[in-house]
N, C-alpha and C. Protein backbone atom coordinates (compact mmCIF):
# COMPACT_ATOMS: atom_id res chain seq x y z
N MET A 1 99.75 135.88 146.15
CA MET A 1 99.23 134.54 146.24
C MET A 1 99.88 133.65 145.17
N THR A 2 99.97 134.16 143.97
CA THR A 2 100.56 133.39 142.88
C THR A 2 102.03 133.08 143.16
N LYS A 3 102.75 134.10 143.61
CA LYS A 3 104.17 133.90 143.91
C LYS A 3 104.37 132.88 145.03
N ARG A 4 103.50 132.93 146.05
CA ARG A 4 103.60 131.95 147.14
C ARG A 4 103.35 130.54 146.62
N TRP A 5 102.35 130.38 145.76
CA TRP A 5 102.03 129.06 145.21
C TRP A 5 103.21 128.54 144.39
N LEU A 6 103.78 129.40 143.56
CA LEU A 6 104.93 128.98 142.73
C LEU A 6 106.11 128.57 143.61
N LYS A 7 106.40 129.38 144.63
CA LYS A 7 107.52 129.07 145.53
C LYS A 7 107.29 127.74 146.23
N LYS A 8 106.08 127.54 146.74
CA LYS A 8 105.73 126.31 147.45
C LYS A 8 105.94 125.08 146.56
N HIS A 9 105.70 125.23 145.27
CA HIS A 9 105.80 124.12 144.34
C HIS A 9 107.13 124.09 143.58
N GLY A 10 108.07 124.93 144.01
CA GLY A 10 109.41 124.92 143.42
C GLY A 10 109.46 125.40 141.98
N VAL A 11 108.56 126.31 141.63
CA VAL A 11 108.53 126.83 140.26
C VAL A 11 109.17 128.20 140.22
N THR A 12 110.14 128.38 139.33
CA THR A 12 110.75 129.68 139.12
C THR A 12 110.07 130.31 137.91
N ALA A 13 109.47 131.48 138.12
CA ALA A 13 108.73 132.13 137.03
C ALA A 13 108.66 133.63 137.25
N GLU A 14 108.48 134.34 136.16
CA GLU A 14 108.25 135.77 136.22
C GLU A 14 106.73 135.98 136.29
N VAL A 15 106.29 136.79 137.24
CA VAL A 15 104.85 137.01 137.42
C VAL A 15 104.54 138.46 137.06
N GLU A 16 103.56 138.64 136.18
CA GLU A 16 103.12 139.98 135.78
C GLU A 16 101.61 140.05 135.87
N PHE A 17 101.09 141.24 136.18
CA PHE A 17 99.65 141.45 136.24
C PHE A 17 99.11 141.60 134.83
N SER A 18 97.94 141.07 134.58
CA SER A 18 97.29 141.17 133.28
C SER A 18 95.99 141.94 133.40
N TRP A 19 95.78 142.87 132.49
CA TRP A 19 94.55 143.66 132.48
C TRP A 19 93.56 143.06 131.50
N GLY A 20 92.91 141.99 131.90
CA GLY A 20 91.83 141.41 131.10
C GLY A 20 92.29 140.51 129.97
N ALA A 21 91.37 139.65 129.53
CA ALA A 21 91.58 138.70 128.42
C ALA A 21 92.88 137.91 128.59
N THR A 22 93.16 137.55 129.82
CA THR A 22 94.41 136.82 130.12
C THR A 22 94.48 135.50 129.37
N GLU A 23 93.36 134.81 129.26
CA GLU A 23 93.35 133.49 128.63
C GLU A 23 93.79 133.51 127.17
N VAL A 24 93.62 134.63 126.48
CA VAL A 24 94.03 134.67 125.06
C VAL A 24 95.53 134.93 124.91
N LYS A 25 96.22 135.24 125.99
CA LYS A 25 97.65 135.51 125.94
C LYS A 25 98.49 134.23 125.90
N ALA A 26 97.90 133.12 126.31
CA ALA A 26 98.61 131.84 126.25
C ALA A 26 98.20 131.15 124.96
N PRO A 27 99.06 130.54 124.22
CA PRO A 27 100.49 130.34 124.46
C PRO A 27 101.39 131.35 123.76
N GLU A 28 100.80 132.34 123.08
CA GLU A 28 101.61 133.29 122.31
C GLU A 28 102.57 134.12 123.17
N LEU A 29 102.09 134.61 124.32
CA LEU A 29 102.89 135.52 125.13
C LEU A 29 103.39 134.93 126.44
N VAL A 30 102.73 133.89 126.94
CA VAL A 30 103.09 133.32 128.24
C VAL A 30 102.98 131.80 128.20
N ASP A 31 103.61 131.16 129.16
CA ASP A 31 103.53 129.70 129.27
C ASP A 31 102.36 129.25 130.13
N ALA A 32 101.95 130.11 131.07
CA ALA A 32 100.86 129.75 131.97
C ALA A 32 100.21 131.02 132.50
N ILE A 33 98.99 130.89 132.99
CA ILE A 33 98.28 132.03 133.58
C ILE A 33 97.64 131.60 134.90
N VAL A 34 97.36 132.59 135.74
CA VAL A 34 96.54 132.40 136.93
C VAL A 34 95.32 133.28 136.69
N GLU A 35 94.15 132.69 136.73
CA GLU A 35 92.94 133.39 136.32
C GLU A 35 91.80 133.10 137.29
N LEU A 36 91.01 134.12 137.60
CA LEU A 36 89.77 133.90 138.34
C LEU A 36 88.75 133.41 137.34
N THR A 37 88.12 132.30 137.63
CA THR A 37 87.15 131.75 136.70
C THR A 37 85.97 131.17 137.46
N GLU A 38 84.80 131.33 136.88
CA GLU A 38 83.61 130.77 137.50
C GLU A 38 83.31 129.40 136.93
N THR A 39 83.32 129.29 135.61
CA THR A 39 82.96 128.02 134.98
C THR A 39 84.12 127.37 134.23
N GLY A 40 85.13 128.15 133.86
CA GLY A 40 86.25 127.62 133.09
C GLY A 40 85.95 127.56 131.60
N SER A 41 84.78 128.01 131.17
CA SER A 41 84.41 127.88 129.75
C SER A 41 85.32 128.69 128.84
N SER A 42 85.73 129.88 129.26
CA SER A 42 86.64 130.69 128.44
C SER A 42 88.01 130.04 128.35
N LEU A 43 88.43 129.41 129.44
CA LEU A 43 89.71 128.69 129.41
C LEU A 43 89.63 127.54 128.41
N LYS A 44 88.57 126.77 128.47
CA LYS A 44 88.39 125.64 127.54
C LYS A 44 88.32 126.13 126.10
N ALA A 45 87.64 127.25 125.89
CA ALA A 45 87.51 127.81 124.54
C ALA A 45 88.87 128.21 123.97
N ASN A 46 89.83 128.48 124.85
CA ASN A 46 91.18 128.85 124.42
C ASN A 46 92.16 127.70 124.58
N ASN A 47 91.63 126.48 124.63
CA ASN A 47 92.45 125.27 124.72
C ASN A 47 93.37 125.24 125.93
N LEU A 48 92.88 125.76 127.06
CA LEU A 48 93.64 125.74 128.31
C LEU A 48 92.94 124.79 129.27
N ARG A 49 93.69 124.31 130.26
CA ARG A 49 93.09 123.45 131.27
C ARG A 49 93.53 123.91 132.65
N ILE A 50 92.67 123.69 133.62
CA ILE A 50 92.99 124.06 134.99
C ILE A 50 93.91 123.00 135.57
N VAL A 51 95.08 123.43 136.04
CA VAL A 51 96.08 122.52 136.60
C VAL A 51 95.89 122.38 138.11
N ASP A 52 95.55 123.50 138.78
CA ASP A 52 95.38 123.49 140.22
C ASP A 52 94.51 124.68 140.62
N THR A 53 93.89 124.60 141.77
CA THR A 53 93.09 125.69 142.31
C THR A 53 93.88 126.35 143.42
N LEU A 54 94.16 127.65 143.27
CA LEU A 54 94.91 128.37 144.28
C LEU A 54 94.03 128.80 145.43
N VAL A 55 92.78 129.15 145.14
CA VAL A 55 91.85 129.62 146.17
C VAL A 55 90.42 129.46 145.65
N THR A 56 89.51 129.20 146.55
CA THR A 56 88.09 129.19 146.24
C THR A 56 87.49 130.38 146.96
N SER A 57 86.75 131.21 146.24
CA SER A 57 86.20 132.42 146.86
C SER A 57 84.68 132.44 146.73
N PHE A 58 84.07 133.25 147.58
CA PHE A 58 82.63 133.42 147.60
C PHE A 58 82.33 134.91 147.63
N PRO A 59 82.03 135.50 146.48
CA PRO A 59 81.73 136.94 146.44
C PRO A 59 80.56 137.28 147.35
N GLN A 60 80.64 138.44 147.97
CA GLN A 60 79.58 138.87 148.86
C GLN A 60 79.19 140.30 148.51
N LEU A 61 77.91 140.57 148.51
CA LEU A 61 77.39 141.91 148.33
C LEU A 61 77.35 142.58 149.69
N ILE A 62 78.00 143.72 149.81
CA ILE A 62 78.08 144.41 151.08
C ILE A 62 77.59 145.85 150.88
N ALA A 63 76.68 146.28 151.74
CA ALA A 63 76.16 147.65 151.66
C ALA A 63 76.46 148.36 152.97
N ASN A 64 76.77 149.65 152.87
CA ASN A 64 76.98 150.40 154.12
C ASN A 64 75.62 150.73 154.73
N LYS A 65 75.62 151.12 155.99
CA LYS A 65 74.36 151.34 156.74
C LYS A 65 73.51 152.42 156.09
N ALA A 66 74.13 153.48 155.59
CA ALA A 66 73.35 154.57 154.99
C ALA A 66 72.62 154.09 153.74
N ALA A 67 73.30 153.30 152.90
CA ALA A 67 72.66 152.78 151.69
C ALA A 67 71.57 151.79 152.05
N TRP A 68 71.80 150.99 153.06
CA TRP A 68 70.85 149.95 153.45
C TRP A 68 69.56 150.56 154.01
N THR A 69 69.66 151.71 154.66
CA THR A 69 68.47 152.34 155.23
C THR A 69 67.78 153.30 154.27
N ASP A 70 68.41 153.64 153.14
CA ASP A 70 67.80 154.50 152.13
C ASP A 70 66.86 153.63 151.27
N PRO A 71 65.55 153.90 151.27
CA PRO A 71 64.60 153.03 150.56
C PRO A 71 64.93 152.83 149.08
N TRP A 72 65.32 153.90 148.38
CA TRP A 72 65.63 153.79 146.95
C TRP A 72 66.85 152.89 146.74
N LYS A 73 67.91 153.13 147.51
CA LYS A 73 69.11 152.32 147.38
C LYS A 73 68.86 150.88 147.80
N ARG A 74 68.07 150.70 148.85
CA ARG A 74 67.74 149.34 149.30
C ARG A 74 67.02 148.56 148.21
N ARG A 75 66.07 149.21 147.51
CA ARG A 75 65.37 148.53 146.40
C ARG A 75 66.36 148.14 145.30
N LYS A 76 67.29 149.02 145.00
CA LYS A 76 68.29 148.73 143.97
C LYS A 76 69.17 147.54 144.39
N ILE A 77 69.59 147.54 145.64
CA ILE A 77 70.41 146.45 146.16
C ILE A 77 69.63 145.14 146.11
N ASP A 78 68.38 145.18 146.58
CA ASP A 78 67.55 143.97 146.58
C ASP A 78 67.29 143.46 145.16
N THR A 79 67.05 144.39 144.23
CA THR A 79 66.81 144.01 142.83
C THR A 79 68.03 143.32 142.25
N TRP A 80 69.21 143.87 142.51
CA TRP A 80 70.44 143.27 141.99
C TRP A 80 70.67 141.89 142.60
N ARG A 81 70.48 141.80 143.92
CA ARG A 81 70.66 140.52 144.61
C ARG A 81 69.70 139.46 144.06
N ASP A 82 68.44 139.85 143.89
CA ASP A 82 67.45 138.90 143.38
C ASP A 82 67.79 138.44 141.97
N ALA A 83 68.29 139.35 141.15
CA ALA A 83 68.69 138.99 139.78
C ALA A 83 69.84 138.00 139.80
N GLN A 84 70.77 138.18 140.72
CA GLN A 84 71.89 137.25 140.84
C GLN A 84 71.40 135.87 141.25
N ARG A 85 70.48 135.83 142.17
CA ARG A 85 69.93 134.55 142.62
C ARG A 85 69.19 133.84 141.49
N ARG A 86 68.40 134.60 140.72
CA ARG A 86 67.67 134.01 139.59
C ARG A 86 68.61 133.50 138.52
N SER A 87 69.77 134.14 138.38
CA SER A 87 70.72 133.73 137.34
C SER A 87 71.50 132.48 137.72
N GLY A 88 71.27 131.98 138.92
CA GLY A 88 71.94 130.75 139.33
C GLY A 88 73.04 130.96 140.34
N CYS A 89 73.35 132.20 140.68
CA CYS A 89 74.36 132.44 141.71
C CYS A 89 73.80 131.98 143.05
N ARG A 90 74.56 131.26 143.78
CA ARG A 90 74.12 130.74 145.07
C ARG A 90 74.95 131.36 146.18
N ARG A 91 74.30 131.75 147.24
CA ARG A 91 74.98 132.34 148.40
C ARG A 91 75.55 131.23 149.24
N LYS A 92 76.82 131.31 149.52
CA LYS A 92 77.46 130.35 150.40
C LYS A 92 78.00 131.11 151.60
N GLY A 93 78.09 130.46 152.69
CA GLY A 93 78.62 131.12 153.88
C GLY A 93 77.57 131.23 154.95
N ARG A 94 77.28 132.46 155.37
CA ARG A 94 76.35 132.67 156.47
C ARG A 94 74.94 132.21 156.14
N SER A 95 74.23 131.76 157.15
CA SER A 95 72.85 131.32 156.99
C SER A 95 71.92 132.52 156.89
N GLU A 96 70.67 132.27 156.51
CA GLU A 96 69.67 133.34 156.46
C GLU A 96 69.52 134.02 157.81
N ASP A 97 69.55 133.23 158.90
CA ASP A 97 69.42 133.80 160.24
C ASP A 97 70.58 134.72 160.56
N GLU A 98 71.79 134.31 160.20
CA GLU A 98 72.96 135.14 160.46
C GLU A 98 72.88 136.45 159.67
N ARG A 99 72.44 136.37 158.42
CA ARG A 99 72.31 137.58 157.60
C ARG A 99 71.23 138.50 158.17
N ALA A 100 70.11 137.93 158.61
CA ALA A 100 69.04 138.74 159.19
C ALA A 100 69.53 139.46 160.44
N ALA A 101 70.30 138.77 161.25
CA ALA A 101 70.85 139.38 162.46
C ALA A 101 71.79 140.52 162.09
N GLN A 102 72.58 140.35 161.04
CA GLN A 102 73.51 141.38 160.60
C GLN A 102 72.75 142.62 160.09
N GLU A 103 71.62 142.39 159.42
CA GLU A 103 70.84 143.50 158.88
C GLU A 103 70.28 144.41 159.96
N THR A 104 70.04 143.87 161.14
CA THR A 104 69.46 144.66 162.22
C THR A 104 70.50 145.49 162.97
N ARG A 105 71.76 145.24 162.68
CA ARG A 105 72.82 145.99 163.40
C ARG A 105 73.00 147.38 162.87
C-alpha cells in the first residue's frame, strides 16, 4: 500500500517495515513514516504531522462459530466488546440488524 501511494505521487523512496515505536525513528533514522494511528497523539508528541491518509479502517471483532456457541467464550467475547464500547470505540459498518442476522448463521 505504501509503495503504491509513493509511486502514485511520484515519490522515490526506500520502504522498510518497522517493528513498533515507528514515530520515534523520525527524524534521526528516517525522513518520513507510514503509521496506523487512532488519534495521532503519539505523532504530535514526537513533533510529527499527518501529511495524508492512505486508508481509513474499521477494526472488527470476529469469532468462529465454535467460540460463539461456547457459553464461557461467548461471555469473554461479550465482555471485551462491551469494554471497547464503554471506552469510546464505536462500531461502524453493519447495522445492529445485519449483525443479529449474522449471529444466527
